[in-house]
């Protein structure tokens, strides 16, 4: 009986890491657009409530970008193994 061809565990991990790195890269691009837009919005004349919302968008997207950098760092380490 012929054996099924399977992807070796290490090769499979490398493929998955590459896919996740692509997703993380795409997320970085989207977050950068949000950060730039929130910066530009915050430079305008805003009432107090709108200014708080703009600050929330900026700080939240900065935190998401920080988390994404950590994910990318971990993925780089996995790819080097």
PDB file of N, CA and C in Angstrom:
ATOM      1  N   UNK A   1       0.845  -1.173   0.000  1.00  0.00           N
ATOM      2  CA  UNK A   1       0.000   0.000   0.000  1.00  0.00           C
ATOM      3  C   UNK A   1       0.897   1.246   0.000  1.00  0.00           C
ATOM      4  N   UNK A   2       0.673   2.206  -0.945  1.00  0.00           N
ATOM      5  CA  UNK A   2       1.522   3.404  -0.998  1.00  0.00           C
ATOM      6  C   UNK A   2       1.277   4.309   0.206  1.00  0.00           C
ATOM      7  N   UNK A   3       2.355   4.901   0.660  1.00  0.00           N
ATOM      8  CA  UNK A   3       2.250   5.832   1.792  1.00  0.00           C
ATOM      9  C   UNK A   3       1.885   7.206   1.280  1.00  0.00           C
ATOM     10  N   UNK A   4       1.085   7.905   2.068  1.00  0.00           N
ATOM     11  CA  UNK A   4       0.741   9.285   1.717  1.00  0.00           C
ATOM     12  C   UNK A   4       1.956  10.162   1.957  1.00  0.00           C
ATOM     13  N   UNK A   5       2.143  11.110   1.060  1.00  0.00           N
ATOM     14  CA  UNK A   5       3.229  12.073   1.261  1.00  0.00           C
ATOM     15  C   UNK A   5       2.761  13.109   2.260  1.00  0.00           C
ATOM     16  N   UNK A   6       3.553  13.325   3.264  1.00  0.00           N
ATOM     17  CA  UNK A   6       3.221  14.337   4.260  1.00  0.00           C
ATOM     18  C   UNK A   6       4.344  15.346   4.318  1.00  0.00           C
ATOM     19  N   UNK A   7       3.973  16.535   4.676  1.00  0.00           N
ATOM     20  CA  UNK A   7       4.969  17.587   4.847  1.00  0.00           C
ATOM     21  C   UNK A   7       5.690  17.319   6.158  1.00  0.00           C
ATOM     22  N   UNK A   8       6.981  17.383   6.121  1.00  0.00           N
ATOM     23  CA  UNK A   8       7.764  17.186   7.329  1.00  0.00           C
ATOM     24  C   UNK A   8       7.409  18.265   8.346  1.00  0.00           C
ATOM     25  N   UNK A   9       7.397  17.909   9.640  1.00  0.00           N
ATOM     26  CA  UNK A   9       7.004  18.893  10.659  1.00  0.00           C
ATOM     27  C   UNK A   9       7.782  20.209  10.578  1.00  0.00           C
ATOM     28  N   UNK A  10       9.092  20.139  10.377  1.00  0.00           N
ATOM     29  CA  UNK A  10       9.882  21.372  10.321  1.00  0.00           C
ATOM     30  C   UNK A  10       9.522  22.192   9.087  1.00  0.00           C
ATOM     31  N   UNK A  11       9.342  21.528   7.964  1.00  0.00           N
ATOM     32  CA  UNK A  11       8.974  22.237   6.734  1.00  0.00           C
ATOM     33  C   UNK A  11       7.595  22.866   6.885  1.00  0.00           C
ATOM     34  N   UNK A  12       6.681  22.142   7.518  1.00  0.00           N
ATOM     35  CA  UNK A  12       5.331  22.670   7.741  1.00  0.00           C
ATOM     36  C   UNK A  12       5.392  23.908   8.632  1.00  0.00           C
ATOM     37  N   UNK A  13       6.204  23.831   9.681  1.00  0.00           N
ATOM     38  CA  UNK A  13       6.356  24.980  10.576  1.00  0.00           C
ATOM     39  C   UNK A  13       6.911  26.179   9.817  1.00  0.00           C
ATOM     40  N   UNK A  14       7.882  25.947   8.955  1.00  0.00           N
ATOM     41  CA  UNK A  14       8.467  27.043   8.178  1.00  0.00           C
ATOM     42  C   UNK A  14       7.430  27.695   7.272  1.00  0.00           C
ATOM     43  N   UNK A  15       6.568  26.891   6.671  1.00  0.00           N
ATOM     44  CA  UNK A  15       5.505  27.428   5.812  1.00  0.00           C
ATOM     45  C   UNK A  15       4.537  28.260   6.646  1.00  0.00           C
ATOM     46  N   UNK A  16       4.151  27.735   7.808  1.00  0.00           N
ATOM     47  CA  UNK A  16       3.214  28.455   8.669  1.00  0.00           C
ATOM     48  C   UNK A  16       3.821  29.753   9.195  1.00  0.00           C
ATOM     49  N   UNK A  17       5.084  29.718   9.568  1.00  0.00           N
ATOM     50  CA  UNK A  17       5.764  30.927  10.044  1.00  0.00           C
ATOM     51  C   UNK A  17       5.816  31.964   8.926  1.00  0.00           C
ATOM     52  N   UNK A  18       6.112  31.534   7.717  1.00  0.00           N
ATOM     53  CA  UNK A  18       6.156  32.463   6.581  1.00  0.00           C
ATOM     54  C   UNK A  18       4.788  33.100   6.349  1.00  0.00           C
ATOM     55  N   UNK A  19       3.732  32.314   6.458  1.00  0.00           N
ATOM     56  CA  UNK A  19       2.382  32.852   6.289  1.00  0.00           C
ATOM     57  C   UNK A  19       2.051  33.855   7.395  1.00  0.00           C
ATOM     58  N   UNK A  20       2.412  33.526   8.624  1.00  0.00           N
ATOM     59  CA  UNK A  20       2.153  34.434   9.741  1.00  0.00           C
ATOM     60  C   UNK A  20       2.974  35.711   9.623  1.00  0.00           C
ATOM     61  N   UNK A  21       4.199  35.600   9.122  1.00  0.00           N
ATOM     62  CA  UNK A  21       5.020  36.798   8.924  1.00  0.00           C
ATOM     63  C   UNK A  21       4.393  37.715   7.883  1.00  0.00           C
ATOM     64  N   UNK A  22       3.817  37.138   6.845  1.00  0.00           N
ATOM     65  CA  UNK A  22       3.126  37.935   5.829  1.00  0.00           C
ATOM     66  C   UNK A  22       1.929  38.653   6.441  1.00  0.00           C
ATOM     67  N   UNK A  23       1.151  37.938   7.236  1.00  0.00           N
ATOM     68  CA  UNK A  23       0.001  38.560   7.899  1.00  0.00           C
ATOM     69  C   UNK A  23       0.441  39.676   8.845  1.00  0.00           C
ATOM     70  N   UNK A  24       1.495  39.435   9.612  1.00  0.00           N
ATOM     71  CA  UNK A  24       1.989  40.450  10.542  1.00  0.00           C
ATOM     72  C   UNK A  24       2.484  41.678   9.785  1.00  0.00           C
ATOM     73  N   UNK A  25       3.121  41.456   8.651  1.00  0.00           N
ATOM     74  CA  UNK A  25       3.590  42.574   7.818  1.00  0.00           C
ATOM     75  C   UNK A  25       2.403  43.393   7.313  1.00  0.00           C
ATOM     76  N   UNK A  26       1.374  42.705   6.827  1.00  0.00           N
ATOM     77  CA  UNK A  26       0.178  43.398   6.342  1.00  0.00           C
ATOM     78  C   UNK A  26      -0.499  44.170   7.469  1.00  0.00           C
ATOM     79  N   UNK A  27      -0.531  43.582   8.660  1.00  0.00           N
ATOM     80  CA  UNK A  27      -1.105  44.269   9.818  1.00  0.00           C
ATOM     81  C   UNK A  27      -0.297  45.520  10.151  1.00  0.00           C
ATOM     82  N   UNK A  28       1.017  45.437  10.048  1.00  0.00           N
ATOM     83  CA  UNK A  28       1.867  46.610  10.291  1.00  0.00           C
ATOM     84  C   UNK A  28       1.510  47.750   9.351  1.00  0.00           C
ATOM     85  N   UNK A  29       1.291  47.424   8.092  1.00  0.00           N
ATOM     86  CA  UNK A  29       0.924  48.455   7.117  1.00  0.00           C
ATOM     87  C   UNK A  29      -0.400  49.115   7.483  1.00  0.00           C
ATOM     88  N   UNK A  30      -1.385  48.313   7.863  1.00  0.00           N
ATOM     89  CA  UNK A  30      -2.695  48.858   8.237  1.00  0.00           C
ATOM     90  C   UNK A  30      -2.585  49.720   9.492  1.00  0.00           C
ATOM     91  N   UNK A  31      -1.827  49.263  10.468  1.00  0.00           N
ATOM     92  CA  UNK A  31      -1.667  50.036  11.704  1.00  0.00           C
ATOM     93  C   UNK A  31      -0.939  51.350  11.443  1.00  0.00           C
ATOM     94  N   UNK A  32       0.026  51.332  10.561  1.00  0.00           N
ATOM     95  CA  UNK A  32       0.750  52.569  10.231  1.00  0.00           C
ATOM     96  C   UNK A  32      -0.193  53.592   9.620  1.00  0.00           C
ATOM     97  N   UNK A  33      -1.098  53.150   8.766  1.00  0.00           N
ATOM     98  CA  UNK A  33      -2.079  54.068   8.175  1.00  0.00           C
ATOM     99  C   UNK A  33      -2.986  54.652   9.256  1.00  0.00           C
ATOM    100  N   UNK A  34      -3.413  53.832  10.199  1.00  0.00           N
ATOM    101  CA  UNK A  34      -4.261  54.314  11.296  1.00  0.00           C
ATOM    102  C   UNK A  34      -3.493  55.318  12.151  1.00  0.00           C
ATOM    103  N   UNK A  35      -2.239  55.011  12.470  1.00  0.00           N
ATOM    104  CA  UNK A  35      -1.424  55.928  13.276  1.00  0.00           C
ATOM    105  C   UNK A  35      -1.231  57.271  12.576  1.00  0.00           C
ATOM    106  N   UNK A  36      -0.944  57.235  11.298  1.00  0.00           N
ATOM    107  CA  UNK A  36      -0.749  58.483  10.561  1.00  0.00           C
ATOM    108  C   UNK A  36      -2.040  59.291  10.492  1.00  0.00           C
ATOM    109  N   UNK A  37      -3.146  58.618  10.229  1.00  0.00           N
ATOM    110  CA  UNK A  37      -4.431  59.320  10.154  1.00  0.00           C
ATOM    111  C   UNK A  37      -4.816  59.903  11.506  1.00  0.00           C
ATOM    112  N   UNK A  38      -4.607  59.152  12.582  1.00  0.00           N
ATOM    113  CA  UNK A  38      -4.968  59.669  13.907  1.00  0.00           C
ATOM    114  C   UNK A  38      -4.100  60.869  14.277  1.00  0.00           C
ATOM    115  N   UNK A  39      -2.839  60.843  13.859  1.00  0.00           N
ATOM    116  CA  UNK A  39      -1.964  61.991  14.102  1.00  0.00           C
ATOM    117  C   UNK A  39      -2.490  63.222  13.373  1.00  0.00           C
ATOM    118  N   UNK A  40      -2.838  63.050  12.105  1.00  0.00           N
ATOM    119  CA  UNK A  40      -3.339  64.187  11.326  1.00  0.00           C
ATOM    120  C   UNK A  40      -4.658  64.714  11.888  1.00  0.00           C
ATOM    121  N   UNK A  41      -5.545  63.822  12.292  1.00  0.00           N
ATOM    122  CA  UNK A  41      -6.826  64.242  12.871  1.00  0.00           C
ATOM    123  C   UNK A  41      -6.585  65.021  14.164  1.00  0.00           C
ATOM    124  N   UNK A  42      -5.671  64.540  14.987  1.00  0.00           N
ATOM    125  CA  UNK A  42      -5.430  65.182  16.285  1.00  0.00           C
ATOM    126  C   UNK A  42      -4.824  66.577  16.148  1.00  0.00           C
ATOM    127  N   UNK A  43      -4.257  66.896  14.994  1.00  0.00           N
ATOM    128  CA  UNK A  43      -3.674  68.227  14.785  1.00  0.00           C
ATOM    129  C   UNK A  43      -4.732  69.281  14.487  1.00  0.00           C
ATOM    130  N   UNK A  44      -5.938  68.849  14.152  1.00  0.00           N
ATOM    131  CA  UNK A  44      -7.008  69.795  13.836  1.00  0.00           C
ATOM    132  C   UNK A  44      -7.661  70.346  15.094  1.00  0.00           C
ATOM    133  N   UNK A  45      -8.565  71.296  14.887  1.00  0.00           N
ATOM    134  CA  UNK A  45      -9.322  71.849  16.012  1.00  0.00           C
ATOM    135  C   UNK A  45     -10.415  70.850  16.370  1.00  0.00           C
ATOM    136  N   UNK A  46     -10.330  70.332  17.574  1.00  0.00           N
ATOM    137  CA  UNK A  46     -11.275  69.314  18.019  1.00  0.00           C
ATOM    138  C   UNK A  46     -11.899  69.723  19.345  1.00  0.00           C
ATOM    139  N   UNK A  47     -13.165  69.349  19.529  1.00  0.00           N
ATOM    140  CA  UNK A  47     -13.754  69.555  20.847  1.00  0.00           C
ATOM    141  C   UNK A  47     -13.174  68.496  21.789  1.00  0.00           C
ATOM    142  N   UNK A  48     -13.411  68.655  23.075  1.00  0.00           N
ATOM    143  CA  UNK A  48     -12.785  67.793  24.085  1.00  0.00           C
ATOM    144  C   UNK A  48     -13.115  66.316  23.872  1.00  0.00           C
ATOM    145  N   UNK A  49     -14.379  66.008  23.590  1.00  0.00           N
ATOM    146  CA  UNK A  49     -14.756  64.603  23.392  1.00  0.00           C
ATOM    147  C   UNK A  49     -14.066  64.000  22.177  1.00  0.00           C
ATOM    148  N   UNK A  50     -14.054  64.731  21.079  1.00  0.00           N
ATOM    149  CA  UNK A  50     -13.429  64.225  19.857  1.00  0.00           C
ATOM    150  C   UNK A  50     -11.933  64.056  20.058  1.00  0.00           C
ATOM    151  N   UNK A  51     -11.322  64.979  20.798  1.00  0.00           N
ATOM    152  CA  UNK A  51      -9.887  64.877  21.079  1.00  0.00           C
ATOM    153  C   UNK A  51      -9.589  63.606  21.883  1.00  0.00           C
ATOM    154  N   UNK A  52     -10.440  63.293  22.860  1.00  0.00           N
ATOM    155  CA  UNK A  52     -10.248  62.068  23.646  1.00  0.00           C
ATOM    156  C   UNK A  52     -10.367  60.823  22.760  1.00  0.00           C
ATOM    157  N   UNK A  53     -11.343  60.834  21.848  1.00  0.00           N
ATOM    158  CA  UNK A  53     -11.496  59.697  20.937  1.00  0.00           C
ATOM    159  C   UNK A  53     -10.275  59.565  20.031  1.00  0.00           C
ATOM    160  N   UNK A  54      -9.775  60.680  19.539  1.00  0.00           N
ATOM    161  CA  UNK A  54      -8.585  60.648  18.677  1.00  0.00           C
ATOM    162  C   UNK A  54      -7.381  60.108  19.452  1.00  0.00           C
ATOM    163  N   UNK A  55      -7.255  60.525  20.717  1.00  0.00           N
ATOM    164  CA  UNK A  55      -6.156  60.026  21.545  1.00  0.00           C
ATOM    165  C   UNK A  55      -6.302  58.532  21.813  1.00  0.00           C
ATOM    166  N   UNK A  56      -7.539  58.084  22.022  1.00  0.00           N
ATOM    167  CA  UNK A  56      -7.780  56.657  22.237  1.00  0.00           C
ATOM    168  C   UNK A  56      -7.385  55.851  20.999  1.00  0.00           C
ATOM    169  N   UNK A  57      -7.748  56.356  19.832  1.00  0.00           N
ATOM    170  CA  UNK A  57      -7.369  55.674  18.584  1.00  0.00           C
ATOM    171  C   UNK A  57      -5.850  55.608  18.467  1.00  0.00           C
ATOM    172  N   UNK A  58      -5.191  56.717  18.749  1.00  0.00           N
ATOM    173  CA  UNK A  58      -3.732  56.753  18.621  1.00  0.00           C
ATOM    174  C   UNK A  58      -3.048  55.826  19.622  1.00  0.00           C
ATOM    175  N   UNK A  59      -3.434  55.900  20.889  1.00  0.00           N
ATOM    176  CA  UNK A  59      -2.769  55.055  21.888  1.00  0.00           C
ATOM    177  C   UNK A  59      -3.082  53.573  21.671  1.00  0.00           C
ATOM    178  N   UNK A  60      -4.303  53.270  21.277  1.00  0.00           N
ATOM    179  CA  UNK A  60      -4.664  51.868  21.025  1.00  0.00           C
ATOM    180  C   UNK A  60      -3.918  51.316  19.818  1.00  0.00           C
ATOM    181  N   UNK A  61      -3.792  52.106  18.774  1.00  0.00           N
ATOM    182  CA  UNK A  61      -3.072  51.626  17.592  1.00  0.00           C
ATOM    183  C   UNK A  61      -1.570  51.533  17.872  1.00  0.00           C
ATOM    184  N   UNK A  62      -1.041  52.408  18.717  1.00  0.00           N
ATOM    185  CA  UNK A  62       0.363  52.288  19.116  1.00  0.00           C
ATOM    186  C   UNK A  62       0.592  50.990  19.886  1.00  0.00           C
ATOM    187  N   UNK A  63      -0.343  50.657  20.774  1.00  0.00           N
ATOM    188  CA  UNK A  63      -0.231  49.413  21.538  1.00  0.00           C
ATOM    189  C   UNK A  63      -0.349  48.200  20.611  1.00  0.00           C
ATOM    190  N   UNK A  64      -1.269  48.250  19.665  1.00  0.00           N
ATOM    191  CA  UNK A  64      -1.413  47.155  18.700  1.00  0.00           C
ATOM    192  C   UNK A  64      -0.136  47.007  17.870  1.00  0.00           C
ATOM    193  N   UNK A  65       0.469  48.115  17.492  1.00  0.00           N
ATOM    194  CA  UNK A  65       1.719  48.072  16.726  1.00  0.00           C
ATOM    195  C   UNK A  65       2.841  47.468  17.570  1.00  0.00           C
ATOM    196  N   UNK A  66       2.876  47.811  18.857  1.00  0.00           N
ATOM    197  CA  UNK A  66       3.891  47.241  19.754  1.00  0.00           C
ATOM    198  C   UNK A  66       3.714  45.724  19.865  1.00  0.00           C
ATOM    199  N   UNK A  67       2.479  45.282  20.047  1.00  0.00           N
ATOM    200  CA  UNK A  67       2.200  43.849  20.134  1.00  0.00           C
ATOM    201  C   UNK A  67       2.596  43.156  18.830  1.00  0.00           C
ATOM    202  N   UNK A  68       2.275  43.780  17.711  1.00  0.00           N
ATOM    203  CA  UNK A  68       2.622  43.205  16.410  1.00  0.00           C
ATOM    204  C   UNK A  68       4.137  43.096  16.239  1.00  0.00           C
ATOM    205  N   UNK A  69       4.883  44.084  16.736  1.00  0.00           N
ATOM    206  CA  UNK A  69       6.352  44.002  16.659  1.00  0.00           C
ATOM    207  C   UNK A  69       6.858  42.802  17.462  1.00  0.00           C
ATOM    208  N   UNK A  70       6.245  42.552  18.623  1.00  0.00           N
ATOM    209  CA  UNK A  70       6.634  41.397  19.439  1.00  0.00           C
ATOM    210  C   UNK A  70       6.315  40.091  18.711  1.00  0.00           C
ATOM    211  N   UNK A  71       5.159  40.051  18.072  1.00  0.00           N
ATOM    212  CA  UNK A  71       4.790  38.860  17.300  1.00  0.00           C
ATOM    213  C   UNK A  71       5.801  38.633  16.180  1.00  0.00           C
ATOM    214  N   UNK A  72       6.146  39.696  15.465  1.00  0.00           N
ATOM    215  CA  UNK A  72       7.107  39.571  14.362  1.00  0.00           C
ATOM    216  C   UNK A  72       8.474  39.123  14.875  1.00  0.00           C
ATOM    217  N   UNK A  73       8.871  39.629  16.036  1.00  0.00           N
ATOM    218  CA  UNK A  73      10.142  39.230  16.642  1.00  0.00           C
ATOM    219  C   UNK A  73      10.122  37.731  16.959  1.00  0.00           C
ATOM    220  N   UNK A  74       9.029  37.260  17.530  1.00  0.00           N
ATOM    221  CA  UNK A  74       8.898  35.834  17.846  1.00  0.00           C
ATOM    222  C   UNK A  74       8.910  34.984  16.577  1.00  0.00           C
ATOM    223  N   UNK A  75       8.238  35.459  15.541  1.00  0.00           N
ATOM    224  CA  UNK A  75       8.204  34.715  14.282  1.00  0.00           C
ATOM    225  C   UNK A  75       9.583  34.655  13.635  1.00  0.00           C
ATOM    226  N   UNK A  76      10.347  35.743  13.746  1.00  0.00           N
ATOM    227  CA  UNK A  76      11.719  35.725  13.212  1.00  0.00           C
ATOM    228  C   UNK A  76      12.546  34.664  13.934  1.00  0.00           C
ATOM    229  N   UNK A  77      12.386  34.603  15.265  1.00  0.00           N
ATOM    230  CA  UNK A  77      13.131  33.615  16.050  1.00  0.00           C
ATOM    231  C   UNK A  77      12.726  32.195  15.652  1.00  0.00           C
ATOM    232  N   UNK A  78      11.450  31.967  15.431  1.00  0.00           N
ATOM    233  CA  UNK A  78      10.984  30.644  14.991  1.00  0.00           C
ATOM    234  C   UNK A  78      11.547  30.290  13.623  1.00  0.00           C
ATOM    235  N   UNK A  79      11.622  31.271  12.755  1.00  0.00           N
ATOM    236  CA  UNK A  79      12.133  31.036  11.409  1.00  0.00           C
ATOM    237  C   UNK A  79      13.618  30.716  11.382  1.00  0.00           C
ATOM    238  N   UNK A  80      14.334  31.140  12.420  1.00  0.00           N
ATOM    239  CA  UNK A  80      15.777  30.906  12.477  1.00  0.00           C
ATOM    240  C   UNK A  80      16.116  29.546  13.068  1.00  0.00           C
ATOM    241  N   UNK A  81      15.140  28.893  13.673  1.00  0.00           N
ATOM    242  CA  UNK A  81      15.404  27.589  14.303  1.00  0.00           C
ATOM    243  C   UNK A  81      15.602  26.513  13.271  1.00  0.00           C
TER     244      UNK A  81
END
